Amino acid sequence: MAAEIVNPRSDSSTDQDAGAEPLDSIDPAFALHRGGKMAVRATVPVRDKDDLSLAYTPGVAKVCSAIAEQPELVHDYTWKSSVVAVVTDGTAVLGLGDIGPEASLPVMEGKAILFKQFGGVDAVPIALGTTDADEIVETVVRLAPSFGGVNLEDISAPRCFEIERRLQERLDIPVFHDDQHGTAVVTLAALRNAARLTERSLGDLRAVISGAGAAGVAIAKFLLEAGIGDVAVADRKGVVSEDRDDLTSVKRELASLTNKAGLSGSLEAALAGADVFIGVSGGTVPEPAVASMAEGAFVFAMANPNPEVHPDVAHKYAAVVATGRSDYPNQINNVLAFPGIFAGALQVRASRITEGMKIAAAEALAAVVGDDLAADYVIPSPFDERVAPAVTAAVAAAARAEGVARR
């Protein structure tokens, strides 16, 4: 059984009152989404009674009994090792915020078909009717026997950190919050190539991150793991520093790990002389602050649809500019990471996704660019067919090297 990238195109109509103009005719996005964007198809035929007796009773009982005696056989005789649960509570959906589980389903369906399209991984959208961290953890733990991995999606900070940590502690399958780690992997890959383009290393760079939510915290920690020279993170009140008395536990930990320069005050002040700006917050950074950055700076303004620094402004001062948008070069897009990361982890039945596996994914992604490296090409396109195989192979190899692979 597999998730198929199809649209059943149901003729039923529940999106408008009788006689009203169908939403499909107003916006093509509604026409594409009618009936949903995915379905389930069989991978074996059921053409006659012999097929039926093998696919279902009585033949299926033999397989069930074998798995009961040897639980590891579930990986060989079901789809468990090739399917991921895409789990959300609908509290941080795109730029829409807390819109609830039902309204999140179009995004979760989209995520599922991206898993299949770009990584060959089946995925099932699961939108939970609770925002309580304990209930989310207990629910996912109980669902876990059906899946080879769990992709947490669009769960608001700071609960997302606790939920991921607790699930990782209780489950022996990969748990990965893509809003954190997928963004961090692609950012690091682009940053490595930008540094290579300008003949610098990560250790030469001081970065400033705008946004201390899921993505900002994860990027900061990941860049430190990768060896960046220094990184400071700013939230709405300014630089997250140890002299502030208004920090959450997550931000207190962040303050203790980052900001070796001891910066305080505003984001704009922190940007003076900085080598890298990474935006994952929205809002607008004033042009004078961008102009105050070091010569040859990198501006990764990734808010969608409106980058924190417009590319036209960024190009006045920066050597490399990246955004989260597909209509500009150097798109920082999570789809470059999560399909291959999960494909690699599932391939070797990894018990978790380690920092080393994520580093390997970033290095493989950066290497795809190769000798074509240029200011407008520091990260490949999601449609580059080399991406997923490269990331998959690198993640699988890293899982084996780090001792979390089980085959």
Protein backbone atom coordinates (compact mmCIF):
# COMPACT_ATOMS: atom_id res chain seq x y z
CA MET A 1 0.00 0.00 0.00
CA ALA A 2 1.31 3.45 -0.84
CA ALA A 3 0.31 7.10 -0.89
CA GLU A 4 -0.32 8.05 -4.48
CA ILE A 5 0.06 11.60 -5.78
CA VAL A 6 -3.35 11.96 -7.34
CA ASN A 7 -6.43 14.11 -6.97
CA PRO A 8 -9.68 12.15 -6.81
CA ARG A 9 -11.59 15.27 -7.90
CA SER A 10 -14.71 14.63 -5.88
CA ASP A 11 -17.80 16.21 -7.39
CA SER A 12 -19.34 16.88 -4.00
CA SER A 13 -19.49 20.51 -2.98
CA THR A 14 -19.35 21.74 0.59
CA ASP A 15 -17.33 24.93 0.10
CA GLN A 16 -20.16 27.26 -0.75
CA ASP A 17 -23.89 27.72 -0.33
CA ALA A 18 -26.19 26.41 -3.02
CA GLY A 19 -26.18 28.79 -5.97
CA ALA A 20 -22.99 30.56 -4.93
CA GLU A 21 -20.07 30.76 -7.33
CA PRO A 22 -17.75 27.77 -6.72
CA LEU A 23 -14.43 28.68 -5.16
CA ASP A 24 -12.81 26.53 -7.85
CA SER A 25 -13.74 29.11 -10.46
CA ILE A 26 -12.32 31.99 -8.44
CA ASP A 27 -8.85 30.61 -7.69
CA PRO A 28 -7.05 27.68 -9.33
CA ALA A 29 -5.65 26.66 -5.94
CA PHE A 30 -9.14 25.54 -4.93
CA ALA A 31 -9.57 23.56 -8.13
CA LEU A 32 -6.30 21.73 -7.51
CA HIS A 33 -7.25 20.94 -3.92
CA ARG A 34 -10.79 19.68 -4.56
CA GLY A 35 -11.08 16.19 -3.13
CA GLY A 36 -7.60 16.41 -1.61
CA LYS A 37 -4.16 15.99 -3.16
CA MET A 38 -3.47 12.34 -2.35
CA ALA A 39 -5.04 8.90 -2.16
CA VAL A 40 -4.07 5.33 -1.21
CA ARG A 41 -3.40 2.66 -3.81
CA ALA A 42 -2.59 -1.03 -3.55
CA THR A 43 0.85 -2.34 -4.48
CA VAL A 44 -0.45 -5.88 -5.07
CA PRO A 45 -3.36 -7.01 -7.28
CA VAL A 46 -6.66 -8.29 -5.91
CA ARG A 47 -8.17 -9.68 -9.11
CA ASP A 48 -9.78 -12.92 -7.97
CA LYS A 49 -10.42 -15.14 -4.96
CA ASP A 50 -6.87 -16.47 -4.97
CA ASP A 51 -5.44 -12.96 -4.74
CA LEU A 52 -7.97 -12.13 -2.05
CA SER A 53 -7.05 -15.19 0.00
CA LEU A 54 -3.39 -14.14 -0.05
CA ALA A 55 -3.83 -10.41 0.50
CA TYR A 56 -6.43 -10.92 3.22
CA THR A 57 -7.75 -13.92 5.06
CA PRO A 58 -6.60 -16.67 5.36
CA GLY A 59 -3.13 -15.87 3.93
CA VAL A 60 -2.63 -12.72 5.97
CA ALA A 61 -2.92 -14.72 9.20
CA LYS A 62 0.34 -16.53 8.45
CA VAL A 63 2.15 -13.22 8.12
CA CYS A 64 0.55 -11.88 11.32
CA SER A 65 1.60 -14.98 13.26
CA ALA A 66 5.16 -14.73 11.97
CA ILE A 67 5.39 -11.07 13.03
CA ALA A 68 3.94 -11.92 16.45
CA GLU A 69 6.75 -14.44 16.91
CA GLN A 70 9.45 -12.23 15.39
CA PRO A 71 8.43 -8.56 15.68
CA GLU A 72 11.29 -7.37 13.46
CA LEU A 73 9.59 -9.05 10.50
CA VAL A 74 7.10 -6.15 10.49
CA HIS A 75 9.72 -4.19 8.55
CA ASP A 76 9.87 -6.81 5.81
CA TYR A 77 6.21 -7.71 5.44
CA THR A 78 4.41 -4.37 5.93
CA TRP A 79 4.97 -0.82 4.78
CA LYS A 80 6.17 0.29 8.26
CA SER A 81 9.75 0.87 7.15
CA SER A 82 8.75 3.12 4.29
CA VAL A 83 6.05 5.31 5.81
CA VAL A 84 6.21 8.47 7.91
CA ALA A 85 3.54 10.12 10.04
CA VAL A 86 3.26 13.85 9.35
CA VAL A 87 1.91 15.12 12.67
CA THR A 88 0.59 18.58 13.51
CA ASP A 89 -1.71 20.32 15.93
CA GLY A 90 -2.28 23.23 13.56
CA THR A 91 -0.82 25.89 15.85
CA ALA A 92 1.92 27.34 13.60
CA VAL A 93 0.84 26.70 10.02
CA LEU A 94 2.97 28.54 7.46
CA GLY A 95 2.50 32.26 8.11
CA LEU A 96 -1.14 31.69 9.08
CA GLY A 97 -0.50 30.88 12.73
CA ASP A 98 -2.89 28.89 14.90
CA ILE A 99 -5.61 27.87 12.44
CA GLY A 100 -6.49 24.50 13.91
CA PRO A 101 -6.16 20.88 12.75
CA GLU A 102 -8.75 20.83 9.97
CA ALA A 103 -7.40 23.97 8.30
CA SER A 104 -3.88 22.53 8.50
CA LEU A 105 -4.74 19.45 6.43
CA PRO A 106 -4.04 20.99 2.98
CA VAL A 107 -0.49 21.76 4.17
CA MET A 108 -0.04 18.30 5.68
CA GLU A 109 -1.28 16.67 2.47
CA GLY A 110 1.18 18.84 0.57
CA LYS A 111 3.98 17.72 2.87
CA ALA A 112 3.03 14.10 2.32
CA ILE A 113 3.15 14.32 -1.46
CA LEU A 114 6.52 16.11 -1.27
CA PHE A 115 7.85 13.15 0.73
CA LYS A 116 6.69 10.85 -2.05
CA GLN A 117 7.65 13.04 -5.00
CA PHE A 118 11.13 13.96 -3.84
CA GLY A 119 12.14 11.07 -1.58
CA GLY A 120 10.03 8.08 -2.56
CA VAL A 121 8.76 7.98 1.04
CA ASP A 122 5.10 7.34 1.80
CA ALA A 123 3.58 9.69 4.36
CA VAL A 124 0.26 10.00 6.17
CA PRO A 125 -1.06 13.39 7.34
CA ILE A 126 -2.26 13.32 10.96
CA ALA A 127 -3.85 16.49 12.35
CA LEU A 128 -4.47 16.17 16.07
CA GLY A 129 -7.39 17.73 17.90
CA THR A 130 -5.33 18.83 20.89
CA THR A 131 -2.65 21.39 21.67
CA ASP A 132 -1.70 19.84 25.00
CA ALA A 133 1.91 18.64 24.92
CA ASP A 134 1.21 15.59 27.11
CA GLU A 135 -1.70 14.51 24.92
CA ILE A 136 0.28 15.01 21.71
CA VAL A 137 3.17 12.92 23.03
CA GLU A 138 0.92 10.13 24.30
CA THR A 139 -1.07 10.05 21.05
CA VAL A 140 2.02 9.84 18.84
CA VAL A 141 3.57 7.16 21.06
CA ARG A 142 0.43 5.06 20.61
CA LEU A 143 0.41 5.60 16.84
CA ALA A 144 4.12 4.86 16.43
CA PRO A 145 3.86 1.07 15.84
CA SER A 146 2.31 1.86 12.44
CA PHE A 147 5.17 4.07 11.22
CA GLY A 148 8.87 4.03 10.46
CA GLY A 149 9.33 7.67 11.42
CA VAL A 150 7.55 10.78 12.71
CA ASN A 151 7.79 14.19 11.07
CA LEU A 152 6.48 16.89 13.38
CA GLU A 153 5.09 19.83 11.47
CA ASP A 154 3.79 23.31 12.23
CA ILE A 155 3.68 22.95 16.03
CA SER A 156 4.29 26.25 17.76
CA ALA A 157 7.32 27.10 19.88
CA PRO A 158 8.28 26.57 22.61
CA ARG A 159 6.08 23.44 22.93
CA CYS A 160 7.65 21.96 19.79
CA PHE A 161 11.03 21.59 21.52
CA GLU A 162 9.58 19.67 24.46
CA ILE A 163 7.35 17.50 22.28
CA GLU A 164 10.20 16.49 20.00
CA ARG A 165 12.56 15.77 22.91
CA ARG A 166 10.04 13.63 24.76
CA LEU A 167 9.12 11.64 21.67
CA GLN A 168 12.78 11.04 20.86
CA GLU A 169 13.26 9.70 24.39
CA ARG A 170 10.31 7.31 24.18
CA LEU A 171 10.43 6.05 20.61
CA ASP A 172 13.00 3.95 18.75
CA ILE A 173 12.17 5.48 15.36
CA PRO A 174 13.30 8.82 13.90
CA VAL A 175 11.43 11.88 15.20
CA PHE A 176 12.20 15.06 13.29
CA HIS A 177 10.65 18.50 13.58
CA ASP A 178 11.17 19.80 10.06
CA ASP A 179 10.45 23.42 10.90
CA GLN A 180 13.57 23.27 13.06
CA HIS A 181 15.99 20.86 11.48
CA GLY A 182 15.06 20.88 7.80
CA THR A 183 15.48 24.65 7.74
CA ALA A 184 18.79 24.37 9.58
CA VAL A 185 20.19 21.75 7.20
CA VAL A 186 19.42 23.75 4.06
CA THR A 187 20.68 26.98 5.65
CA LEU A 188 23.98 25.36 6.57
CA ALA A 189 24.41 23.91 3.07
CA ALA A 190 23.89 27.32 1.48
CA LEU A 191 26.15 29.01 4.03
CA ARG A 192 28.96 26.51 3.41
CA ASN A 193 28.83 27.23 -0.30
CA ALA A 194 28.63 30.99 0.23
CA ALA A 195 31.74 30.77 2.40
CA ARG A 196 33.50 28.63 -0.21
CA LEU A 197 32.59 31.12 -2.92
CA THR A 198 34.22 33.95 -0.96
CA GLU A 199 37.20 31.81 0.13
CA ARG A 200 36.26 31.76 3.80
CA SER A 201 35.41 29.04 6.31
CA LEU A 202 32.47 28.88 8.70
CA GLY A 203 34.86 29.68 11.51
CA ASP A 204 35.56 33.07 9.92
CA LEU A 205 31.93 34.14 10.10
CA ARG A 206 29.81 35.97 12.66
CA ALA A 207 26.09 35.47 12.07
CA VAL A 208 22.99 37.23 13.36
CA ILE A 209 19.66 35.41 13.30
CA SER A 210 16.37 37.29 13.41
CA GLY A 211 13.83 35.06 15.11
CA ALA A 212 14.10 32.90 18.23
CA GLY A 213 11.32 30.45 17.40
CA ALA A 214 11.63 26.88 16.20
CA ALA A 215 13.74 27.63 13.14
CA GLY A 216 15.92 30.32 14.69
CA VAL A 217 16.86 28.24 17.73
CA ALA A 218 17.60 25.15 15.63
CA ILE A 219 19.67 27.06 13.07
CA ALA A 220 21.75 28.70 15.80
CA LYS A 221 22.53 25.38 17.52
CA PHE A 222 23.24 23.66 14.22
CA LEU A 223 25.62 26.37 13.04
CA LEU A 224 27.50 26.09 16.32
CA GLU A 225 27.71 22.32 15.86
CA ALA A 226 29.09 22.92 12.36
CA GLY A 227 31.78 25.29 13.62
CA ILE A 228 30.59 28.83 12.90
CA GLY A 229 32.73 31.55 14.45
CA ASP A 230 29.91 33.17 16.43
CA VAL A 231 26.16 33.55 16.21
CA ALA A 232 23.73 35.81 18.01
CA VAL A 233 19.95 35.46 17.95
CA ALA A 234 17.46 38.30 18.26
CA ASP A 235 13.79 38.15 19.17
CA ARG A 236 11.22 40.95 19.32
CA LYS A 237 12.98 42.50 22.31
CA GLY A 238 16.49 42.39 20.89
CA VAL A 239 19.51 40.12 21.18
CA VAL A 240 18.97 37.02 23.30
CA SER A 241 21.68 37.61 25.89
CA GLU A 242 22.42 36.38 29.38
CA ASP A 243 21.84 39.82 30.89
CA ARG A 244 18.12 39.68 30.05
CA ASP A 245 15.67 38.66 32.78
CA ASP A 246 12.68 37.95 30.53
CA LEU A 247 13.88 34.78 28.77
CA THR A 248 12.08 31.47 28.60
CA SER A 249 14.02 28.34 29.51
CA VAL A 250 14.66 27.67 25.83
CA LYS A 251 16.05 31.17 25.30
CA ARG A 252 18.12 31.03 28.49
CA GLU A 253 19.82 27.92 27.16
CA LEU A 254 20.26 29.63 23.79
CA ALA A 255 21.85 32.66 25.46
CA SER A 256 24.33 30.41 27.24
CA LEU A 257 25.41 28.78 23.96
CA THR A 258 25.52 31.76 21.61
CA ASN A 259 26.74 35.35 21.41
CA LYS A 260 30.40 34.96 22.35
CA ALA A 261 30.83 38.62 21.43
CA GLY A 262 28.56 39.60 24.31
CA LEU A 263 26.23 41.69 22.19
CA SER A 264 23.08 43.22 23.62
CA GLY A 265 20.44 45.60 22.42
CA SER A 266 18.70 45.66 19.08
CA LEU A 267 18.98 43.41 16.04
CA GLU A 268 20.08 46.44 14.03
CA ALA A 269 22.96 47.11 16.40
CA ALA A 270 24.04 43.46 16.27
CA LEU A 271 24.21 43.57 12.48
CA ALA A 272 26.99 46.18 12.49
CA GLY A 273 30.05 44.37 11.16
CA ALA A 274 28.26 41.01 10.95
CA ASP A 275 29.12 38.62 8.13
CA VAL A 276 25.77 36.82 7.92
CA PHE A 277 22.12 37.75 8.39
CA ILE A 278 19.62 34.92 8.65
CA GLY A 279 15.97 35.92 8.80
CA VAL A 280 13.29 33.50 10.03
CA SER A 281 10.98 35.98 11.69
CA GLY A 282 9.19 38.25 9.27
CA GLY A 283 9.25 42.00 9.76
CA THR A 284 11.58 44.34 7.93
CA VAL A 285 15.24 45.08 8.58
CA PRO A 286 16.06 48.74 7.84
CA GLU A 287 18.41 49.31 4.93
CA PRO A 288 20.98 51.20 7.06
CA ALA A 289 21.34 48.09 9.24
CA VAL A 290 22.05 45.96 6.18
CA ALA A 291 24.52 48.55 4.93
CA SER A 292 26.37 48.34 8.27
CA MET A 293 27.25 44.67 7.77
CA ALA A 294 30.79 43.60 6.88
CA GLU A 295 32.00 43.75 3.30
CA GLY A 296 31.14 40.59 1.38
CA ALA A 297 28.27 39.75 3.74
CA PHE A 298 25.59 37.10 3.17
CA VAL A 299 21.90 37.94 3.53
CA PHE A 300 19.55 34.98 3.90
CA ALA A 301 16.15 36.65 4.29
CA MET A 302 13.83 33.67 4.40
CA ALA A 303 10.44 34.97 5.53
CA ASN A 304 7.59 34.22 3.12
CA PRO A 305 6.08 35.86 1.20
CA ASN A 306 7.88 39.04 2.24
CA PRO A 307 11.60 38.62 3.03
CA GLU A 308 12.98 40.61 5.96
CA VAL A 309 15.31 42.32 3.46
CA HIS A 310 14.08 42.75 -0.08
CA PRO A 311 16.52 41.14 -2.52
CA ASP A 312 16.97 44.41 -4.38
CA VAL A 313 18.15 46.05 -1.16
CA ALA A 314 20.25 43.06 -0.11
CA HIS A 315 22.10 42.96 -3.43
CA LYS A 316 23.36 46.51 -2.86
CA TYR A 317 25.48 45.32 0.05
CA ALA A 318 25.75 41.53 0.09
CA ALA A 319 27.94 39.11 -1.85
CA VAL A 320 25.32 36.35 -1.63
CA VAL A 321 21.56 36.73 -1.21
CA ALA A 322 19.10 33.92 -0.50
CA THR A 323 15.38 33.91 0.26
CA GLY A 324 12.59 31.45 0.95
CA ARG A 325 10.88 32.27 -2.33
CA SER A 326 10.93 30.27 -5.53
CA ASP A 327 10.97 33.35 -7.78
CA TYR A 328 14.47 34.41 -6.68
CA PRO A 329 17.76 32.52 -6.92
CA ASN A 330 19.06 30.57 -3.92
CA GLN A 331 15.77 29.43 -2.43
CA ILE A 332 16.19 28.01 1.08
CA ASN A 333 13.52 25.32 0.81
CA ASN A 334 13.09 22.47 3.30
CA VAL A 335 12.09 20.10 0.52
CA LEU A 336 15.80 19.93 -0.30
CA ALA A 337 16.36 18.18 3.03
CA PHE A 338 13.51 16.28 4.67
CA PRO A 339 12.70 13.74 1.89
CA GLY A 340 16.30 12.57 1.62
CA ILE A 341 16.91 12.66 5.37
CA PHE A 342 13.96 10.39 6.05
CA ALA A 343 14.70 8.18 3.03
CA GLY A 344 18.23 7.62 4.32
CA ALA A 345 17.09 7.00 7.88
CA LEU A 346 14.39 4.55 6.81
CA GLN A 347 16.73 2.77 4.41
CA VAL A 348 18.92 1.65 7.33
CA ARG A 349 16.09 1.51 9.90
CA ALA A 350 17.77 4.18 12.00
CA SER A 351 16.55 4.52 15.57
CA ARG A 352 16.94 8.29 15.49
CA ILE A 353 18.27 11.19 13.40
CA THR A 354 21.52 12.39 14.91
CA GLU A 355 23.38 15.67 14.57
CA GLY A 356 25.95 13.82 12.49
CA MET A 357 23.27 12.65 10.07
CA LYS A 358 22.03 16.23 9.68
CA ILE A 359 25.56 17.52 9.13
CA ALA A 360 26.06 14.80 6.50
CA ALA A 361 22.82 15.88 4.79
CA ALA A 362 23.99 19.51 4.66
CA GLU A 363 27.39 18.56 3.28
CA ALA A 364 25.84 16.33 0.60
CA LEU A 365 23.38 19.04 -0.37
CA ALA A 366 26.16 21.63 -0.65
CA ALA A 367 28.26 19.24 -2.73
CA VAL A 368 25.55 18.93 -5.38
CA VAL A 369 26.37 22.49 -6.48
CA GLY A 370 29.96 21.46 -7.17
CA ASP A 371 31.95 23.49 -9.69
CA ASP A 372 28.86 25.44 -10.77
CA LEU A 373 29.08 27.52 -7.60
CA ALA A 374 28.17 31.17 -8.15
CA ALA A 375 26.63 34.03 -6.19
CA ASP A 376 23.21 33.15 -7.58
CA TYR A 377 23.75 29.41 -7.17
CA VAL A 378 24.86 28.40 -3.67
CA ILE A 379 22.03 25.90 -3.21
CA PRO A 380 20.49 23.55 -5.81
CA SER A 381 16.91 23.60 -6.99
CA PRO A 382 14.41 21.24 -5.37
CA PHE A 383 13.88 19.83 -8.86
CA ASP A 384 17.52 18.86 -9.28
CA GLU A 385 17.26 15.06 -9.48
CA ARG A 386 20.68 14.65 -7.85
CA VAL A 387 19.56 16.10 -4.52
CA ALA A 388 17.49 13.35 -2.89
CA PRO A 389 19.83 10.46 -3.82
CA ALA A 390 22.84 12.39 -2.55
CA VAL A 391 21.20 13.29 0.76
CA THR A 392 19.76 9.79 1.19
CA ALA A 393 23.14 8.11 0.70
CA ALA A 394 24.94 10.53 3.01
CA VAL A 395 22.38 10.16 5.80
CA ALA A 396 22.37 6.36 5.55
CA ALA A 397 26.19 6.26 5.72
CA ALA A 398 26.24 8.62 8.70
CA ALA A 399 23.63 6.52 10.52
CA ARG A 400 25.84 3.46 10.11
CA ALA A 401 28.93 5.38 11.22
CA GLU A 402 27.16 6.67 14.34
CA GLY A 403 25.75 3.29 15.34
CA VAL A 404 22.03 4.08 15.00
CA ALA A 405 21.45 1.94 11.88
CA ARG A 406 19.79 -1.42 12.39
CA ARG A 407 20.50 -2.88 8.96
